[in-house]
């Protein structure tokens, strides 16, 4: 193993909490189940950078059949960014230790441009990553093979020399089908043990 390719959300950054999801639901109004169905249905285009934040929320509210103005759009974007902004300090510490010991680090994240800009402005530890495969900028997202292929090419290594870490088994299995080693993330401690044994 010569490099570790990390997922962001669910590994380094935390997924949306119940509290942050409730803020989004209150901001959007209406039926919560219909809201989340629309939210996730329109998300792939946003993650790939095919639409902007306002365009994404217009598509969500068009699916809901609800009105949307500029003020509400700004509030939804802010609430959405906040819902994905909590970071696990133990994971960040692990990254720092790996980088300090000379490990090559890569990042592969399904992330929209608004959130990418937010992270780049507020999290200097992103500089630890030699390669950053952000879906909004590479035009493909996990588990699409092109997303992994982009990272492998940019890392300049053979797939079997890269360990891919993600909290979603389907994303790990997609990487393994392309020859990468895989680890389904459950905790920082378990990942640390794996890396120390490697």
N, C-alpha and C. Protein backbone atom coordinates (compact mmCIF):
# COMPACT_ATOMS: atom_id res chain seq x y z
N UNK A 1 0.84 -1.20 0.00
CA UNK A 1 0.00 0.00 0.00
C UNK A 1 0.87 1.24 0.00
N UNK A 2 0.66 2.10 -0.99
CA UNK A 2 1.44 3.32 -1.09
C UNK A 2 0.61 4.58 -0.86
N UNK A 3 -0.71 4.46 -0.92
CA UNK A 3 -1.57 5.63 -0.73
C UNK A 3 -2.88 5.21 -0.11
N UNK A 4 -3.48 6.14 0.63
CA UNK A 4 -4.81 5.93 1.19
C UNK A 4 -5.74 6.97 0.57
N UNK A 5 -6.80 6.50 -0.05
CA UNK A 5 -7.78 7.36 -0.70
C UNK A 5 -9.03 7.40 0.19
N UNK A 6 -9.32 8.56 0.73
CA UNK A 6 -10.39 8.72 1.70
C UNK A 6 -11.67 9.28 1.09
N UNK A 7 -12.78 8.75 1.56
CA UNK A 7 -14.08 9.41 1.43
C UNK A 7 -14.11 10.56 2.44
N UNK A 8 -14.95 11.55 2.22
CA UNK A 8 -15.07 12.66 3.17
C UNK A 8 -16.20 12.41 4.18
N UNK A 9 -17.44 12.38 3.70
CA UNK A 9 -18.59 12.38 4.60
C UNK A 9 -18.89 10.97 5.11
N UNK A 10 -18.92 10.85 6.42
CA UNK A 10 -19.07 9.55 7.04
C UNK A 10 -17.74 8.95 7.47
N UNK A 11 -16.64 9.61 7.08
CA UNK A 11 -15.30 9.16 7.47
C UNK A 11 -14.58 10.30 8.19
N UNK A 12 -14.31 11.39 7.48
CA UNK A 12 -13.62 12.54 8.08
C UNK A 12 -14.64 13.55 8.60
N UNK A 13 -15.61 13.84 7.78
CA UNK A 13 -16.71 14.72 8.20
C UNK A 13 -17.92 13.86 8.52
N UNK A 14 -18.73 14.35 9.43
CA UNK A 14 -19.89 13.58 9.85
C UNK A 14 -21.06 13.80 8.89
N UNK A 15 -21.90 12.79 8.79
CA UNK A 15 -23.12 12.92 7.99
C UNK A 15 -24.11 13.81 8.73
N UNK A 16 -25.16 14.20 8.06
CA UNK A 16 -26.15 15.10 8.64
C UNK A 16 -26.73 14.53 9.94
N UNK A 17 -26.74 15.36 10.98
CA UNK A 17 -27.33 14.97 12.26
C UNK A 17 -28.84 15.15 12.21
N UNK A 18 -29.51 14.55 13.16
CA UNK A 18 -30.96 14.71 13.25
C UNK A 18 -31.33 16.17 13.43
N UNK A 19 -30.53 16.88 14.21
CA UNK A 19 -30.81 18.30 14.46
C UNK A 19 -30.66 19.13 13.19
N UNK A 20 -29.57 18.89 12.45
CA UNK A 20 -29.35 19.68 11.24
C UNK A 20 -30.38 19.34 10.17
N UNK A 21 -30.80 18.08 10.12
CA UNK A 21 -31.85 17.70 9.17
C UNK A 21 -33.17 18.36 9.54
N UNK A 22 -33.44 18.49 10.84
CA UNK A 22 -34.67 19.15 11.27
C UNK A 22 -34.68 20.62 10.88
N UNK A 23 -33.51 21.27 10.92
CA UNK A 23 -33.41 22.67 10.50
C UNK A 23 -33.76 22.78 9.01
N UNK A 24 -33.23 21.88 8.20
CA UNK A 24 -33.54 21.89 6.77
C UNK A 24 -35.03 21.67 6.54
N UNK A 25 -35.61 20.75 7.27
CA UNK A 25 -37.04 20.45 7.11
C UNK A 25 -37.89 21.66 7.46
N UNK A 26 -37.53 22.33 8.55
CA UNK A 26 -38.31 23.52 8.96
C UNK A 26 -38.14 24.64 7.95
N UNK A 27 -36.93 24.79 7.42
CA UNK A 27 -36.67 25.85 6.44
C UNK A 27 -37.47 25.61 5.16
N UNK A 28 -37.50 24.36 4.72
CA UNK A 28 -38.21 24.03 3.49
C UNK A 28 -39.72 24.05 3.67
N UNK A 29 -40.19 23.63 4.85
CA UNK A 29 -41.63 23.52 5.08
C UNK A 29 -42.21 22.32 4.34
N UNK A 30 -43.48 22.06 4.55
CA UNK A 30 -44.14 20.97 3.84
C UNK A 30 -43.87 19.61 4.46
N UNK A 31 -44.17 18.59 3.72
CA UNK A 31 -44.05 17.21 4.18
C UNK A 31 -42.59 16.76 4.17
N UNK A 32 -42.11 16.24 5.29
CA UNK A 32 -40.70 15.90 5.41
C UNK A 32 -40.30 14.74 4.49
N UNK A 33 -41.15 13.73 4.33
CA UNK A 33 -40.81 12.60 3.48
C UNK A 33 -40.70 13.02 2.01
N UNK A 34 -41.64 13.84 1.58
CA UNK A 34 -41.58 14.34 0.20
C UNK A 34 -40.34 15.23 0.01
N UNK A 35 -40.00 16.00 1.04
CA UNK A 35 -38.82 16.86 0.96
C UNK A 35 -37.56 16.04 0.75
N UNK A 36 -37.35 15.00 1.56
CA UNK A 36 -36.12 14.23 1.44
C UNK A 36 -36.07 13.42 0.15
N UNK A 37 -37.20 12.98 -0.31
CA UNK A 37 -37.22 12.28 -1.60
C UNK A 37 -36.76 13.21 -2.72
N UNK A 38 -37.25 14.45 -2.70
CA UNK A 38 -36.84 15.44 -3.71
C UNK A 38 -35.38 15.83 -3.52
N UNK A 39 -34.98 16.01 -2.29
CA UNK A 39 -33.61 16.41 -1.95
C UNK A 39 -32.61 15.42 -2.56
N UNK A 40 -32.83 14.13 -2.33
CA UNK A 40 -31.88 13.14 -2.82
C UNK A 40 -32.04 12.85 -4.31
N UNK A 41 -33.25 12.97 -4.83
CA UNK A 41 -33.45 12.73 -6.26
C UNK A 41 -32.67 13.72 -7.12
N UNK A 42 -32.59 14.97 -6.66
CA UNK A 42 -31.91 16.01 -7.43
C UNK A 42 -30.43 16.16 -7.08
N UNK A 43 -29.98 15.45 -6.06
CA UNK A 43 -28.61 15.64 -5.57
C UNK A 43 -27.50 15.24 -6.54
N UNK A 44 -27.64 14.16 -7.32
CA UNK A 44 -26.53 13.77 -8.19
C UNK A 44 -26.04 14.87 -9.13
N UNK A 45 -26.95 15.61 -9.72
CA UNK A 45 -26.54 16.69 -10.64
C UNK A 45 -25.79 17.79 -9.89
N UNK A 46 -26.22 18.07 -8.67
CA UNK A 46 -25.56 19.08 -7.83
C UNK A 46 -24.16 18.60 -7.46
N UNK A 47 -24.05 17.35 -7.05
CA UNK A 47 -22.74 16.80 -6.68
C UNK A 47 -21.77 16.79 -7.86
N UNK A 48 -22.27 16.58 -9.06
CA UNK A 48 -21.40 16.55 -10.24
C UNK A 48 -21.07 17.94 -10.77
N UNK A 49 -21.62 18.96 -10.18
CA UNK A 49 -21.35 20.31 -10.65
C UNK A 49 -22.14 20.70 -11.88
N UNK A 50 -23.20 19.96 -12.18
CA UNK A 50 -24.00 20.25 -13.36
C UNK A 50 -24.98 21.40 -13.12
N UNK A 51 -25.30 21.66 -11.84
CA UNK A 51 -26.16 22.79 -11.48
C UNK A 51 -25.54 23.51 -10.30
N UNK A 52 -25.88 24.78 -10.14
CA UNK A 52 -25.44 25.57 -9.00
C UNK A 52 -26.36 25.32 -7.81
N UNK A 53 -26.01 25.92 -6.67
CA UNK A 53 -26.89 25.80 -5.50
C UNK A 53 -28.30 26.28 -5.78
N UNK A 54 -28.47 27.49 -6.32
CA UNK A 54 -29.83 27.94 -6.63
C UNK A 54 -30.54 27.02 -7.63
N UNK A 55 -29.81 26.52 -8.63
CA UNK A 55 -30.42 25.62 -9.59
C UNK A 55 -30.87 24.31 -8.96
N UNK A 56 -30.06 23.82 -8.02
CA UNK A 56 -30.42 22.59 -7.31
C UNK A 56 -31.71 22.79 -6.53
N UNK A 57 -31.80 23.87 -5.77
CA UNK A 57 -33.00 24.07 -4.94
C UNK A 57 -34.23 24.38 -5.79
N UNK A 58 -34.02 25.02 -6.94
CA UNK A 58 -35.15 25.22 -7.86
C UNK A 58 -35.70 23.87 -8.32
N UNK A 59 -34.78 22.93 -8.62
CA UNK A 59 -35.21 21.60 -9.06
C UNK A 59 -35.92 20.85 -7.94
N UNK A 60 -35.41 20.97 -6.72
CA UNK A 60 -36.05 20.32 -5.57
C UNK A 60 -37.47 20.85 -5.39
N UNK A 61 -37.62 22.17 -5.42
CA UNK A 61 -38.93 22.76 -5.16
C UNK A 61 -39.87 22.58 -6.35
N UNK A 62 -39.32 22.45 -7.56
CA UNK A 62 -40.17 22.13 -8.70
C UNK A 62 -40.75 20.73 -8.52
N UNK A 63 -39.93 19.81 -8.01
CA UNK A 63 -40.41 18.45 -7.77
C UNK A 63 -41.48 18.45 -6.68
N UNK A 64 -41.32 19.35 -5.70
CA UNK A 64 -42.30 19.45 -4.62
C UNK A 64 -43.55 20.22 -5.02
N UNK A 65 -43.45 20.98 -6.13
CA UNK A 65 -44.56 21.83 -6.55
C UNK A 65 -44.80 22.98 -5.60
N UNK A 66 -43.69 23.50 -5.02
CA UNK A 66 -43.78 24.57 -4.02
C UNK A 66 -43.06 25.81 -4.53
N UNK A 67 -43.50 27.00 -4.09
CA UNK A 67 -42.84 28.24 -4.52
C UNK A 67 -41.48 28.41 -3.85
N UNK A 68 -40.58 29.11 -4.54
CA UNK A 68 -39.24 29.34 -4.02
C UNK A 68 -38.78 30.72 -4.45
N UNK A 69 -38.37 31.55 -3.50
CA UNK A 69 -37.84 32.87 -3.84
C UNK A 69 -36.37 32.95 -3.45
N UNK A 70 -35.74 34.09 -3.74
CA UNK A 70 -34.29 34.24 -3.51
C UNK A 70 -33.94 34.13 -2.03
N UNK A 71 -34.77 34.71 -1.16
CA UNK A 71 -34.47 34.66 0.27
C UNK A 71 -34.48 33.23 0.79
N UNK A 72 -35.51 32.46 0.41
CA UNK A 72 -35.61 31.08 0.87
C UNK A 72 -34.47 30.25 0.28
N UNK A 73 -34.10 30.54 -0.96
CA UNK A 73 -32.99 29.82 -1.57
C UNK A 73 -31.71 30.01 -0.76
N UNK A 74 -31.43 31.24 -0.36
CA UNK A 74 -30.24 31.52 0.44
C UNK A 74 -30.29 30.79 1.78
N UNK A 75 -31.46 30.76 2.40
CA UNK A 75 -31.61 30.09 3.69
C UNK A 75 -31.41 28.58 3.55
N UNK A 76 -31.91 28.01 2.47
CA UNK A 76 -31.74 26.58 2.25
C UNK A 76 -30.29 26.22 1.98
N UNK A 77 -29.60 27.02 1.19
CA UNK A 77 -28.18 26.77 0.92
C UNK A 77 -27.39 26.83 2.21
N UNK A 78 -27.66 27.85 3.04
CA UNK A 78 -26.94 27.99 4.31
C UNK A 78 -27.21 26.81 5.24
N UNK A 79 -28.47 26.39 5.33
CA UNK A 79 -28.82 25.26 6.20
C UNK A 79 -28.21 23.97 5.69
N UNK A 80 -28.16 23.81 4.39
CA UNK A 80 -27.58 22.60 3.80
C UNK A 80 -26.08 22.56 4.07
N UNK A 81 -25.38 23.67 3.87
CA UNK A 81 -23.95 23.72 4.15
C UNK A 81 -23.67 23.38 5.61
N UNK A 82 -24.46 23.98 6.51
CA UNK A 82 -24.27 23.73 7.94
C UNK A 82 -24.49 22.26 8.28
N UNK A 83 -25.41 21.60 7.58
CA UNK A 83 -25.74 20.21 7.90
C UNK A 83 -24.62 19.24 7.55
N UNK A 84 -23.70 19.67 6.69
CA UNK A 84 -22.59 18.81 6.27
C UNK A 84 -21.25 19.30 6.81
N UNK A 85 -21.25 20.19 7.78
CA UNK A 85 -20.02 20.88 8.16
C UNK A 85 -19.34 20.36 9.43
N UNK A 86 -19.92 19.37 10.09
CA UNK A 86 -19.31 18.88 11.33
C UNK A 86 -18.22 17.86 11.01
N UNK A 87 -17.04 18.08 11.55
CA UNK A 87 -15.87 17.25 11.25
C UNK A 87 -15.50 16.43 12.49
N UNK A 88 -15.01 15.21 12.28
CA UNK A 88 -14.54 14.36 13.37
C UNK A 88 -13.08 14.70 13.65
N UNK A 89 -12.77 15.32 14.79
CA UNK A 89 -11.38 15.70 15.06
C UNK A 89 -10.44 14.51 15.15
N UNK A 90 -10.93 13.36 15.55
CA UNK A 90 -10.07 12.17 15.61
C UNK A 90 -9.64 11.72 14.22
N UNK A 91 -10.55 11.85 13.26
CA UNK A 91 -10.20 11.51 11.88
C UNK A 91 -9.17 12.49 11.32
N UNK A 92 -9.35 13.76 11.63
CA UNK A 92 -8.38 14.77 11.17
C UNK A 92 -7.01 14.52 11.79
N UNK A 93 -7.00 14.11 13.05
CA UNK A 93 -5.73 13.78 13.72
C UNK A 93 -5.06 12.59 13.04
N UNK A 94 -5.86 11.59 12.66
CA UNK A 94 -5.32 10.44 11.95
C UNK A 94 -4.69 10.86 10.63
N UNK A 95 -5.37 11.73 9.90
CA UNK A 95 -4.82 12.22 8.64
C UNK A 95 -3.46 12.88 8.85
N UNK A 96 -3.40 13.72 9.88
CA UNK A 96 -2.15 14.42 10.16
C UNK A 96 -1.02 13.46 10.46
N UNK A 97 -1.31 12.42 11.25
CA UNK A 97 -0.29 11.44 11.56
C UNK A 97 0.18 10.68 10.34
N UNK A 98 -0.75 10.31 9.48
CA UNK A 98 -0.38 9.60 8.25
C UNK A 98 0.49 10.48 7.35
N UNK A 99 0.08 11.73 7.19
CA UNK A 99 0.85 12.64 6.33
C UNK A 99 2.24 12.88 6.91
N UNK A 100 2.33 13.04 8.23
CA UNK A 100 3.63 13.29 8.87
C UNK A 100 4.57 12.10 8.72
N UNK A 101 4.00 10.89 8.58
CA UNK A 101 4.83 9.70 8.40
C UNK A 101 5.11 9.42 6.92
N UNK A 102 4.69 10.34 6.06
CA UNK A 102 5.05 10.23 4.66
C UNK A 102 4.08 9.47 3.78
N UNK A 103 2.89 9.12 4.31
CA UNK A 103 1.90 8.45 3.49
C UNK A 103 1.30 9.41 2.47
N UNK A 104 1.07 8.92 1.27
CA UNK A 104 0.38 9.69 0.24
C UNK A 104 -1.12 9.60 0.51
N UNK A 105 -1.80 10.73 0.56
CA UNK A 105 -3.23 10.78 0.86
C UNK A 105 -4.00 11.35 -0.30
N UNK A 106 -5.14 10.73 -0.58
CA UNK A 106 -6.05 11.25 -1.60
C UNK A 106 -7.44 11.36 -1.03
N UNK A 107 -8.26 12.16 -1.66
CA UNK A 107 -9.64 12.37 -1.24
C UNK A 107 -10.56 12.17 -2.44
N UNK A 108 -11.61 11.38 -2.24
CA UNK A 108 -12.63 11.21 -3.27
C UNK A 108 -13.98 11.43 -2.61
N UNK A 109 -14.63 12.53 -2.95
CA UNK A 109 -15.86 12.91 -2.25
C UNK A 109 -16.94 13.33 -3.23
N UNK A 110 -18.16 12.84 -2.97
CA UNK A 110 -19.33 13.36 -3.68
C UNK A 110 -19.75 14.63 -2.96
N UNK A 111 -19.48 15.76 -3.58
CA UNK A 111 -19.64 17.04 -2.91
C UNK A 111 -19.97 18.13 -3.92
N UNK A 112 -20.97 18.97 -3.66
CA UNK A 112 -21.28 20.07 -4.57
C UNK A 112 -20.29 21.21 -4.40
N UNK A 113 -20.23 22.08 -5.39
CA UNK A 113 -19.26 23.17 -5.40
C UNK A 113 -19.40 24.09 -4.19
N UNK A 114 -20.62 24.42 -3.80
CA UNK A 114 -20.81 25.31 -2.64
C UNK A 114 -20.14 24.73 -1.40
N UNK A 115 -20.31 23.45 -1.19
CA UNK A 115 -19.74 22.81 0.00
C UNK A 115 -18.23 22.66 -0.13
N UNK A 116 -17.75 22.39 -1.34
CA UNK A 116 -16.30 22.30 -1.57
C UNK A 116 -15.62 23.62 -1.23
N UNK A 117 -16.19 24.71 -1.71
CA UNK A 117 -15.63 26.04 -1.43
C UNK A 117 -15.64 26.32 0.07
N UNK A 118 -16.73 25.94 0.73
CA UNK A 118 -16.85 26.13 2.18
C UNK A 118 -15.74 25.38 2.92
N UNK A 119 -15.51 24.14 2.55
CA UNK A 119 -14.46 23.35 3.21
C UNK A 119 -13.08 23.91 2.93
N UNK A 120 -12.82 24.31 1.71
CA UNK A 120 -11.51 24.85 1.36
C UNK A 120 -11.21 26.13 2.12
N UNK A 121 -12.25 26.91 2.42
CA UNK A 121 -12.06 28.17 3.13
C UNK A 121 -11.88 27.98 4.64
N UNK A 122 -12.36 26.86 5.17
CA UNK A 122 -12.38 26.72 6.63
C UNK A 122 -11.60 25.54 7.19
N UNK A 123 -11.02 24.70 6.33
CA UNK A 123 -10.34 23.50 6.83
C UNK A 123 -8.96 23.36 6.19
N UNK A 124 -7.93 23.93 6.82
CA UNK A 124 -6.58 23.86 6.25
C UNK A 124 -6.01 22.45 6.13
N UNK A 125 -6.58 21.48 6.87
CA UNK A 125 -6.08 20.11 6.78
C UNK A 125 -6.32 19.49 5.41
N UNK A 126 -7.16 20.11 4.58
CA UNK A 126 -7.34 19.60 3.22
C UNK A 126 -6.03 19.61 2.43
N UNK A 127 -5.09 20.46 2.85
CA UNK A 127 -3.79 20.52 2.17
C UNK A 127 -3.00 19.24 2.35
N UNK A 128 -3.40 18.40 3.30
CA UNK A 128 -2.73 17.11 3.51
C UNK A 128 -2.92 16.17 2.32
N UNK A 129 -3.96 16.41 1.53
CA UNK A 129 -4.28 15.51 0.41
C UNK A 129 -3.50 15.90 -0.84
N UNK A 130 -2.72 14.96 -1.34
CA UNK A 130 -1.99 15.19 -2.59
C UNK A 130 -2.95 15.32 -3.76
N UNK A 131 -4.01 14.53 -3.73
CA UNK A 131 -5.02 14.52 -4.79
C UNK A 131 -6.38 14.72 -4.16
N UNK A 132 -7.18 15.63 -4.74
CA UNK A 132 -8.54 15.85 -4.26
C UNK A 132 -9.52 15.63 -5.41
N UNK A 133 -10.18 14.49 -5.38
CA UNK A 133 -11.17 14.17 -6.40
C UNK A 133 -12.55 14.59 -5.92
N UNK A 134 -12.92 15.81 -6.20
CA UNK A 134 -14.22 16.33 -5.78
C UNK A 134 -15.19 16.17 -6.95
N UNK A 135 -16.29 15.50 -6.71
CA UNK A 135 -17.20 15.14 -7.80
C UNK A 135 -17.64 16.34 -8.62
N UNK A 136 -17.83 17.48 -7.95
CA UNK A 136 -18.29 18.68 -8.66
C UNK A 136 -17.26 19.20 -9.65
N UNK A 137 -16.01 18.75 -9.52
CA UNK A 137 -14.95 19.25 -10.39
C UNK A 137 -14.38 18.19 -11.33
N UNK A 138 -14.66 16.92 -11.06
CA UNK A 138 -14.14 15.88 -11.96
C UNK A 138 -15.24 15.30 -12.84
N UNK A 139 -16.49 15.73 -12.61
CA UNK A 139 -17.59 15.35 -13.49
C UNK A 139 -18.12 13.94 -13.32
N UNK A 140 -17.71 13.26 -12.25
CA UNK A 140 -18.24 11.94 -11.96
C UNK A 140 -18.25 11.74 -10.46
N UNK A 141 -19.09 10.82 -10.01
CA UNK A 141 -19.28 10.61 -8.58
C UNK A 141 -19.29 9.13 -8.26
N UNK A 142 -18.88 8.79 -7.04
CA UNK A 142 -18.98 7.40 -6.59
C UNK A 142 -20.44 6.95 -6.63
N UNK A 143 -20.69 5.72 -7.01
CA UNK A 143 -19.75 4.63 -7.32
C UNK A 143 -19.41 4.48 -8.79
N UNK A 144 -19.46 5.55 -9.56
CA UNK A 144 -19.13 5.46 -10.98
C UNK A 144 -17.64 5.14 -11.16
N UNK A 145 -17.30 4.19 -12.02
CA UNK A 145 -15.89 3.83 -12.21
C UNK A 145 -15.00 5.02 -12.57
N UNK A 146 -15.53 5.99 -13.30
CA UNK A 146 -14.71 7.12 -13.74
C UNK A 146 -14.18 7.93 -12.56
N UNK A 147 -14.91 7.98 -11.46
CA UNK A 147 -14.46 8.75 -10.29
C UNK A 147 -13.20 8.12 -9.70
N UNK A 148 -13.21 6.79 -9.57
CA UNK A 148 -12.03 6.11 -9.03
C UNK A 148 -10.87 6.18 -10.02
N UNK A 149 -11.18 6.02 -11.29
CA UNK A 149 -10.13 6.04 -12.31
C UNK A 149 -9.42 7.39 -12.32
N UNK A 150 -10.17 8.46 -12.11
CA UNK A 150 -9.55 9.80 -12.07
C UNK A 150 -8.54 9.86 -10.94
N UNK A 151 -8.90 9.37 -9.77
CA UNK A 151 -8.00 9.43 -8.61
C UNK A 151 -6.78 8.55 -8.81
N UNK A 152 -6.98 7.35 -9.35
CA UNK A 152 -5.85 6.45 -9.61
C UNK A 152 -4.86 7.11 -10.57
N UNK A 153 -5.39 7.71 -11.62
CA UNK A 153 -4.54 8.38 -12.60
C UNK A 153 -3.76 9.54 -11.96
N UNK A 154 -4.45 10.34 -11.15
CA UNK A 154 -3.80 11.50 -10.53
C UNK A 154 -2.78 11.08 -9.47
N UNK A 155 -3.05 10.00 -8.77
CA UNK A 155 -2.09 9.51 -7.78
C UNK A 155 -0.86 8.89 -8.45
N UNK A 156 -1.02 8.44 -9.69
CA UNK A 156 0.10 7.88 -10.43
C UNK A 156 0.56 6.53 -9.90
N UNK A 157 -0.36 5.77 -9.35
CA UNK A 157 -0.05 4.47 -8.77
C UNK A 157 -0.90 3.38 -9.41
N UNK A 158 -0.48 2.14 -9.22
CA UNK A 158 -1.31 1.02 -9.64
C UNK A 158 -2.49 0.92 -8.67
N UNK A 159 -3.66 0.50 -9.15
CA UNK A 159 -4.82 0.42 -8.26
C UNK A 159 -4.57 -0.39 -7.00
N UNK A 160 -3.83 -1.51 -7.11
CA UNK A 160 -3.61 -2.37 -5.95
C UNK A 160 -2.69 -1.73 -4.90
N UNK A 161 -2.07 -0.62 -5.24
CA UNK A 161 -1.22 0.11 -4.28
C UNK A 161 -2.00 1.15 -3.48
N UNK A 162 -3.31 1.23 -3.73
CA UNK A 162 -4.16 2.25 -3.09
C UNK A 162 -5.21 1.57 -2.22
N UNK A 163 -5.34 2.04 -0.98
CA UNK A 163 -6.42 1.61 -0.10
C UNK A 163 -7.52 2.66 -0.13
N UNK A 164 -8.72 2.25 -0.50
CA UNK A 164 -9.86 3.17 -0.52
C UNK A 164 -10.71 2.96 0.72
N UNK A 165 -11.02 4.06 1.41
CA UNK A 165 -11.76 4.01 2.67
C UNK A 165 -13.06 4.79 2.52
N UNK A 166 -14.19 4.13 2.76
CA UNK A 166 -15.50 4.77 2.63
C UNK A 166 -16.45 4.11 3.61
N UNK A 167 -17.43 4.85 4.10
CA UNK A 167 -18.39 4.27 5.03
C UNK A 167 -19.51 3.51 4.32
N UNK A 168 -19.60 3.63 3.00
CA UNK A 168 -20.64 2.93 2.24
C UNK A 168 -20.04 1.72 1.53
N UNK A 169 -20.58 0.55 1.85
CA UNK A 169 -20.04 -0.68 1.27
C UNK A 169 -20.11 -0.68 -0.25
N UNK A 170 -21.19 -0.12 -0.82
CA UNK A 170 -21.32 -0.14 -2.28
C UNK A 170 -20.20 0.67 -2.96
N UNK A 171 -19.74 1.72 -2.30
CA UNK A 171 -18.64 2.51 -2.86
C UNK A 171 -17.32 1.75 -2.76
N UNK A 172 -17.12 1.06 -1.65
CA UNK A 172 -15.91 0.26 -1.48
C UNK A 172 -15.88 -0.89 -2.48
N UNK A 173 -17.00 -1.55 -2.67
CA UNK A 173 -17.05 -2.67 -3.62
C UNK A 173 -16.79 -2.19 -5.05
N UNK A 174 -17.27 -1.00 -5.38
CA UNK A 174 -17.01 -0.45 -6.72
C UNK A 174 -15.53 -0.21 -6.92
N UNK A 175 -14.85 0.27 -5.88
CA UNK A 175 -13.40 0.48 -5.96
C UNK A 175 -12.66 -0.84 -6.10
N UNK A 176 -13.10 -1.83 -5.34
CA UNK A 176 -12.44 -3.14 -5.40
C UNK A 176 -12.59 -3.79 -6.77
N UNK A 177 -13.71 -3.55 -7.43
CA UNK A 177 -13.89 -4.11 -8.78
C UNK A 177 -12.89 -3.53 -9.77
N UNK A 178 -12.35 -2.36 -9.45
CA UNK A 178 -11.35 -1.73 -10.31
C UNK A 178 -9.93 -2.05 -9.85
N UNK A 179 -9.79 -2.89 -8.84
CA UNK A 179 -8.47 -3.34 -8.40
C UNK A 179 -7.91 -2.64 -7.19
N UNK A 180 -8.61 -1.65 -6.64
CA UNK A 180 -8.14 -1.01 -5.43
C UNK A 180 -8.40 -1.91 -4.22
N UNK A 181 -7.61 -1.74 -3.20
CA UNK A 181 -7.93 -2.38 -1.93
C UNK A 181 -9.03 -1.55 -1.26
N UNK A 182 -9.86 -2.20 -0.44
CA UNK A 182 -10.98 -1.47 0.14
C UNK A 182 -11.14 -1.72 1.62
N UNK A 183 -11.68 -0.72 2.30
CA UNK A 183 -12.01 -0.84 3.72
C UNK A 183 -13.31 -0.09 3.97
N UNK A 184 -14.31 -0.80 4.51
CA UNK A 184 -15.56 -0.16 4.89
C UNK A 184 -15.37 0.46 6.27
N UNK A 185 -15.42 1.77 6.32
CA UNK A 185 -15.12 2.51 7.55
C UNK A 185 -16.25 2.37 8.56
N UNK A 186 -15.86 2.02 9.80
CA UNK A 186 -16.80 2.00 10.91
C UNK A 186 -16.33 2.85 12.08
N UNK A 187 -15.01 3.00 12.21
CA UNK A 187 -14.48 3.84 13.29
C UNK A 187 -13.04 4.22 12.98
N UNK A 188 -12.61 5.33 13.57
CA UNK A 188 -11.22 5.76 13.41
C UNK A 188 -10.28 4.72 14.01
N UNK A 189 -10.67 4.16 15.16
CA UNK A 189 -9.81 3.19 15.85
C UNK A 189 -9.57 1.96 14.99
N UNK A 190 -10.63 1.46 14.37
CA UNK A 190 -10.47 0.26 13.53
C UNK A 190 -9.61 0.57 12.31
N UNK A 191 -9.78 1.73 11.72
CA UNK A 191 -8.97 2.11 10.57
C UNK A 191 -7.52 2.28 10.98
N UNK A 192 -7.27 2.90 12.12
CA UNK A 192 -5.90 3.07 12.60
C UNK A 192 -5.22 1.71 12.78
N UNK A 193 -5.94 0.76 13.38
CA UNK A 193 -5.39 -0.58 13.58
C UNK A 193 -5.03 -1.23 12.24
N UNK A 194 -5.92 -1.08 11.26
CA UNK A 194 -5.67 -1.64 9.93
C UNK A 194 -4.43 -1.04 9.31
N UNK A 195 -4.29 0.28 9.39
CA UNK A 195 -3.16 0.96 8.76
C UNK A 195 -1.85 0.62 9.47
N UNK A 196 -1.91 0.46 10.77
CA UNK A 196 -0.68 0.12 11.52
C UNK A 196 -0.22 -1.30 11.21
N UNK A 197 -1.19 -2.16 10.86
CA UNK A 197 -0.85 -3.54 10.55
C UNK A 197 -0.39 -3.72 9.10
N UNK A 198 -0.69 -2.74 8.27
CA UNK A 198 -0.40 -2.85 6.83
C UNK A 198 1.11 -2.72 6.55
